[in-house]
Every structure is written in C-alpha cells, then in structure tokens.
Amino acid sequence: MYEGYAERRGWKTEILSSNPSNMGGLKEVTFAVKGKGAYSRMKHEAGVHRVQRVPETESQGRLHTSAIGVVVMPEAEEVEVEIHPNDLKWDVFRSSGPGGQSVNTTDSAVRLTHLPTNTVVTCQDEKSQLQNRDKALRIMRARLHQIELDRRAAEDSAARKGQVRSVDRSEKIRTYNFPQNRVTDHRVKVSVHNVPDVMSGGIDPFIDALITKLRTEQLTGE
C-alpha cells in the first residue's frame, strides 16, 4: 500500500531491513520514503491499523482480525544525532531465511545495539556486511532521533497534542474490512468503499481529511 502511495506521489522507497515470516508474509519491515512532503503526510499513518479478512486457509469462512503497528520517523542526519562509537555494540552473524534456511554463507548480517538506550537494530537484507552496517546505522540514527522527539513532546502536553500516535496504544486509527470492501479511518470518520484502490496506494482521502481536521483544531485552539 505504501509503495503504491509513494509511486502515486512520485516518491522513492528503499527497503532497509525486513524479517520474513514462515507464512509467506513479513513480521516486520523497515523502509525509507524520500520525496517532497513525504514526512509531513506519512507521519499521519503512525498507529494501529486493523485488518479484517477471511484468510484463504479458513475453511469455515470465519472473519479474522489482525493488528499492524506502523511507526513513522524522520530520518536523522549525522548533524542531528550524534552517536558516540563507544555507545555502540556490533554483532555479526549469518543471514537466514524463513525456517532457518541459510541464504548466506558469510557473516554479513549485523545486529547493532545502542547501549545507553538498549535500542537494537538488525539488518541482513544485503549480501555485503558493509551495506548492512550502513543501513543499521541509518535506522539506529532515526530511532534515537525519534526517542529524543518523544522525550521533548512528553515534557510539553501542548506539543504532544496531534503528534504521532504510539503503536503501543490500543486505539486503532484505521480498519480495513475486506468482506465489506470498506476502509474506515476512525480519527476523521471517513470511509472508502474500495479496498483494492486503498491497498494500491489510495490513502489520500484519509490523510487530506486528517490534515484539515488538525489545522481546524489549531485555528480554534482545541
């Protein structure tokens, strides 16, 4: 969905790390989106997305509900986040695919730990250890930048209003109901009855409505 949205807006995407599941999907994926206005729009996607569907493996036709956590962080430059080399711990290991299948015979995968915050980043998508180290450092810098932003926001309740929601919150921001061909954004009470278009990147109606709502709240002081 986000790759399709980026393509519609002329942005570029780059997969930084991914963790495939044994079911053929992904447990977790981290990717970068680059383009004019990318963060100002994508930040509204942060939160819990609920998917309701009948899986192909469901013989009784029962509806299954899944929750997906989305985190959106600005990618920090080196000048914005200073990381002391002594605060970093690097571990290397062999990349592996689903079910333990080896996909690399060299120790190219890396695990980066920021000791003061115990933040861990793992990258194994690239065959080169150097490339994986570079991507891991980019992700780490972005996460530490977000930690600092969250700390500042927590000190000021006014600044926290309207900020990116945490995926730890139980409140869902959007529901994708496949049987009813409906996608509803609960923050702005907007529904679109065209799941295929939304899943191919048609999420502007939700983002536009939310931006309008936030601007109105700022103008009225709510």
Protein backbone atom coordinates (compact mmCIF):
# COMPACT_ATOMS: atom_id res chain seq x y z
CA MET A 1 0.00 0.00 0.00
CA TYR A 2 2.73 2.44 0.94
CA GLU A 3 4.85 1.55 -2.07
CA GLY A 4 1.84 2.28 -4.26
CA TYR A 5 1.20 5.56 -2.44
CA ALA A 6 4.82 6.63 -2.87
CA GLU A 7 4.65 5.83 -6.57
CA ARG A 8 1.49 7.90 -6.98
CA ARG A 9 3.17 10.92 -5.39
CA GLY A 10 6.46 10.50 -7.21
CA TRP A 11 8.42 9.48 -4.11
CA LYS A 12 11.12 6.84 -3.90
CA THR A 13 11.14 3.92 -1.46
CA GLU A 14 14.07 1.85 -0.22
CA ILE A 15 13.83 -1.30 1.88
CA LEU A 16 16.28 -1.01 4.79
CA SER A 17 15.51 -4.26 6.61
CA SER A 18 12.88 -6.99 6.57
CA ASN A 19 12.00 -10.00 8.67
CA PRO A 20 10.01 -12.60 6.70
CA SER A 21 7.56 -14.95 8.37
CA ASN A 22 7.05 -18.67 7.76
CA MET A 23 3.58 -17.88 6.38
CA GLY A 24 4.96 -16.06 3.34
CA GLY A 25 4.47 -12.54 4.64
CA LEU A 26 6.51 -10.20 6.80
CA LYS A 27 6.84 -9.97 10.57
CA GLU A 28 8.48 -6.59 10.31
CA VAL A 29 9.86 -4.32 7.62
CA THR A 30 11.69 -1.00 7.77
CA PHE A 31 11.82 1.17 4.67
CA ALA A 32 12.71 4.73 3.73
CA VAL A 33 10.45 7.08 1.77
CA LYS A 34 12.07 10.03 0.04
CA GLY A 35 10.37 12.89 -1.75
CA LYS A 36 8.84 16.33 -1.32
CA GLY A 37 6.41 16.37 1.59
CA ALA A 38 6.93 12.68 2.39
CA TYR A 39 7.22 13.01 6.17
CA SER A 40 4.53 15.69 6.51
CA ARG A 41 2.00 13.27 5.01
CA MET A 42 3.34 9.87 6.06
CA LYS A 43 3.54 10.83 9.75
CA HIS A 44 -0.26 10.57 9.89
CA GLU A 45 -0.03 6.83 9.15
CA ALA A 46 1.57 6.06 12.51
CA GLY A 47 -0.57 3.95 14.82
CA VAL A 48 -2.50 0.69 14.89
CA HIS A 49 -4.14 -0.49 11.65
CA ARG A 50 -6.76 -3.23 11.96
CA VAL A 51 -7.30 -5.69 9.11
CA GLN A 52 -10.46 -7.82 8.91
CA ARG A 53 -10.48 -10.59 6.32
CA VAL A 54 -11.27 -14.25 5.69
CA PRO A 55 -7.91 -16.00 5.11
CA GLU A 56 -7.55 -18.50 2.28
CA THR A 57 -6.74 -21.14 4.92
CA GLU A 58 -10.05 -20.51 6.78
CA SER A 59 -12.31 -23.46 5.88
CA GLN A 60 -15.30 -22.20 7.93
CA GLY A 61 -15.34 -18.76 6.33
CA ARG A 62 -14.80 -17.03 9.65
CA LEU A 63 -13.63 -13.43 9.80
CA HIS A 64 -10.13 -12.95 11.22
CA THR A 65 -8.84 -9.67 12.67
CA SER A 66 -5.17 -8.71 12.64
CA ALA A 67 -3.41 -5.66 14.06
CA ILE A 68 -0.48 -3.96 12.35
CA GLY A 69 1.69 -1.39 14.08
CA VAL A 70 3.07 1.45 11.96
CA VAL A 71 5.83 3.76 13.21
CA VAL A 72 6.90 6.80 11.16
CA MET A 73 10.18 8.55 11.96
CA PRO A 74 12.09 11.32 10.19
CA GLU A 75 15.47 10.05 9.04
CA ALA A 76 18.03 11.98 11.05
CA GLU A 77 21.26 13.29 9.60
CA GLU A 78 24.58 12.86 11.39
CA VAL A 79 24.49 16.50 12.47
CA GLU A 80 21.11 15.96 14.15
CA VAL A 81 22.00 12.85 16.12
CA GLU A 82 25.49 12.37 17.48
CA ILE A 83 26.22 8.76 18.37
CA HIS A 84 29.38 8.01 20.30
CA PRO A 85 31.14 4.92 18.90
CA ASN A 86 31.69 3.61 22.44
CA ASP A 87 27.92 3.51 22.93
CA LEU A 88 27.50 1.04 20.07
CA LYS A 89 27.87 -2.73 20.13
CA TRP A 90 28.16 -4.57 16.81
CA ASP A 91 27.46 -8.28 16.36
CA VAL A 92 27.74 -10.16 13.07
CA PHE A 93 26.09 -13.43 12.07
CA ARG A 94 25.00 -15.36 9.01
CA SER A 95 21.81 -14.26 7.29
CA SER A 96 18.99 -16.80 7.28
CA GLY A 97 15.60 -17.06 5.64
CA PRO A 98 12.26 -18.43 6.90
CA GLY A 99 12.54 -21.73 8.76
CA GLY A 100 16.26 -21.32 9.27
CA GLN A 101 17.09 -21.76 5.60
CA SER A 102 20.54 -20.34 5.01
CA VAL A 103 20.65 -17.59 2.42
CA ASN A 104 24.25 -16.56 3.01
CA THR A 105 27.39 -18.50 3.84
CA THR A 106 29.28 -15.48 5.21
CA ASP A 107 28.78 -13.42 8.35
CA SER A 108 27.18 -10.49 6.53
CA ALA A 109 24.19 -9.87 8.82
CA VAL A 110 24.64 -7.34 11.61
CA ARG A 111 22.99 -6.56 14.92
CA LEU A 112 23.57 -3.07 16.29
CA THR A 113 22.85 -2.21 19.92
CA HIS A 114 22.84 1.31 21.37
CA LEU A 115 23.92 0.54 24.94
CA PRO A 116 22.59 3.64 26.76
CA THR A 117 19.03 3.11 25.47
CA ASN A 118 19.24 -0.65 24.76
CA THR A 119 17.88 0.02 21.26
CA VAL A 120 18.57 -2.89 18.88
CA VAL A 121 18.59 -2.87 15.06
CA THR A 122 19.17 -5.94 12.90
CA CYS A 123 19.93 -5.84 9.16
CA GLN A 124 20.51 -8.86 6.94
CA ASP A 125 18.98 -7.97 3.57
CA GLU A 126 22.25 -7.14 1.82
CA LYS A 127 24.97 -9.65 0.96
CA SER A 128 27.62 -7.16 2.00
CA GLN A 129 28.28 -6.69 5.70
CA LEU A 130 29.35 -3.10 4.98
CA GLN A 131 25.98 -2.31 3.37
CA ASN A 132 24.10 -3.91 6.26
CA ARG A 133 26.17 -1.89 8.75
CA ASP A 134 25.37 1.31 6.86
CA LYS A 135 21.63 0.58 6.84
CA ALA A 136 21.64 -0.44 10.50
CA LEU A 137 23.29 2.84 11.45
CA ARG A 138 20.72 4.81 9.44
CA ILE A 139 17.85 3.04 11.20
CA MET A 140 19.51 3.49 14.59
CA ARG A 141 20.01 7.20 14.00
CA ALA A 142 16.34 7.59 13.07
CA ARG A 143 15.16 5.66 16.13
CA LEU A 144 17.34 7.65 18.51
CA HIS A 145 16.10 10.85 16.90
CA GLN A 146 12.52 9.71 17.49
CA ILE A 147 13.33 8.88 21.12
CA GLU A 148 14.57 12.43 21.59
CA LEU A 149 11.49 13.87 19.87
CA ASP A 150 9.23 11.78 22.12
CA ARG A 151 11.12 12.97 25.20
CA ARG A 152 10.64 16.60 24.23
CA ALA A 153 6.98 16.07 23.42
CA ALA A 154 6.39 14.37 26.76
CA GLU A 155 7.65 17.48 28.55
CA ASP A 156 5.06 19.64 26.87
CA SER A 157 1.48 18.37 26.72
CA ALA A 158 0.53 21.06 24.21
CA ALA A 159 3.29 19.95 21.87
CA ARG A 160 2.20 16.35 22.32
CA LYS A 161 -1.34 17.04 21.07
CA GLY A 162 -1.72 15.88 17.50
CA GLN A 163 1.68 14.18 17.41
CA VAL A 164 2.32 10.71 16.02
CA ARG A 165 0.43 8.06 17.95
CA SER A 166 2.32 5.21 19.53
CA VAL A 167 1.73 1.68 18.30
CA ASP A 168 1.58 0.67 21.96
CA ARG A 169 -1.80 2.36 22.25
CA SER A 170 -4.81 0.10 21.94
CA GLU A 171 -6.74 2.73 20.00
CA LYS A 172 -6.88 1.83 16.31
CA ILE A 173 -6.65 4.56 13.69
CA ARG A 174 -7.99 2.68 10.67
CA THR A 175 -9.85 -0.55 9.82
CA TYR A 176 -9.57 -2.43 6.51
CA ASN A 177 -12.64 -4.65 6.13
CA PHE A 178 -12.13 -6.85 3.07
CA PRO A 179 -15.51 -8.68 3.03
CA GLN A 180 -17.38 -5.35 3.11
CA ASN A 181 -14.94 -3.69 0.68
CA ARG A 182 -14.62 -0.84 3.18
CA VAL A 183 -11.75 1.09 4.76
CA THR A 184 -12.60 3.43 7.65
CA ASP A 185 -10.34 5.99 9.29
CA HIS A 186 -11.63 6.35 12.84
CA ARG A 187 -9.91 9.67 13.51
CA VAL A 188 -11.89 11.55 10.87
CA LYS A 189 -14.87 9.18 10.43
CA VAL A 190 -14.12 8.80 6.72
CA SER A 191 -14.92 5.54 4.88
CA VAL A 192 -13.92 4.48 1.39
CA HIS A 193 -15.70 1.53 -0.24
CA ASN A 194 -12.84 0.45 -2.48
CA VAL A 195 -10.33 -1.78 -0.70
CA PRO A 196 -8.31 -2.61 -3.87
CA ASP A 197 -7.69 1.08 -4.59
CA VAL A 198 -6.70 1.81 -0.98
CA MET A 199 -4.35 -1.17 -0.89
CA SER A 200 -2.68 0.05 -4.08
CA GLY A 201 -1.99 3.45 -2.51
CA GLY A 202 -5.29 5.36 -2.49
CA ILE A 203 -4.98 6.77 1.04
CA ASP A 204 -5.06 10.50 0.22
CA PRO A 205 -8.75 10.87 1.27
CA PHE A 206 -7.82 9.88 4.83
CA ILE A 207 -4.64 11.95 5.03
CA ASP A 208 -6.26 15.04 3.49
CA ALA A 209 -9.21 14.84 5.90
CA LEU A 210 -6.90 14.43 8.89
CA ILE A 211 -4.68 17.37 7.88
CA THR A 212 -7.79 19.54 7.52
CA LYS A 213 -9.04 18.43 10.94
CA LEU A 214 -5.72 19.17 12.64
CA ARG A 215 -5.48 22.61 11.04
CA THR A 216 -9.01 23.42 12.16
CA GLU A 217 -8.23 22.33 15.71
CA GLN A 218 -5.09 24.51 15.74
CA LEU A 219 -7.01 27.55 14.49
CA THR A 220 -9.81 27.11 17.02
CA GLY A 221 -7.42 26.29 19.86
CA GLU A 222 -8.96 22.91 20.60
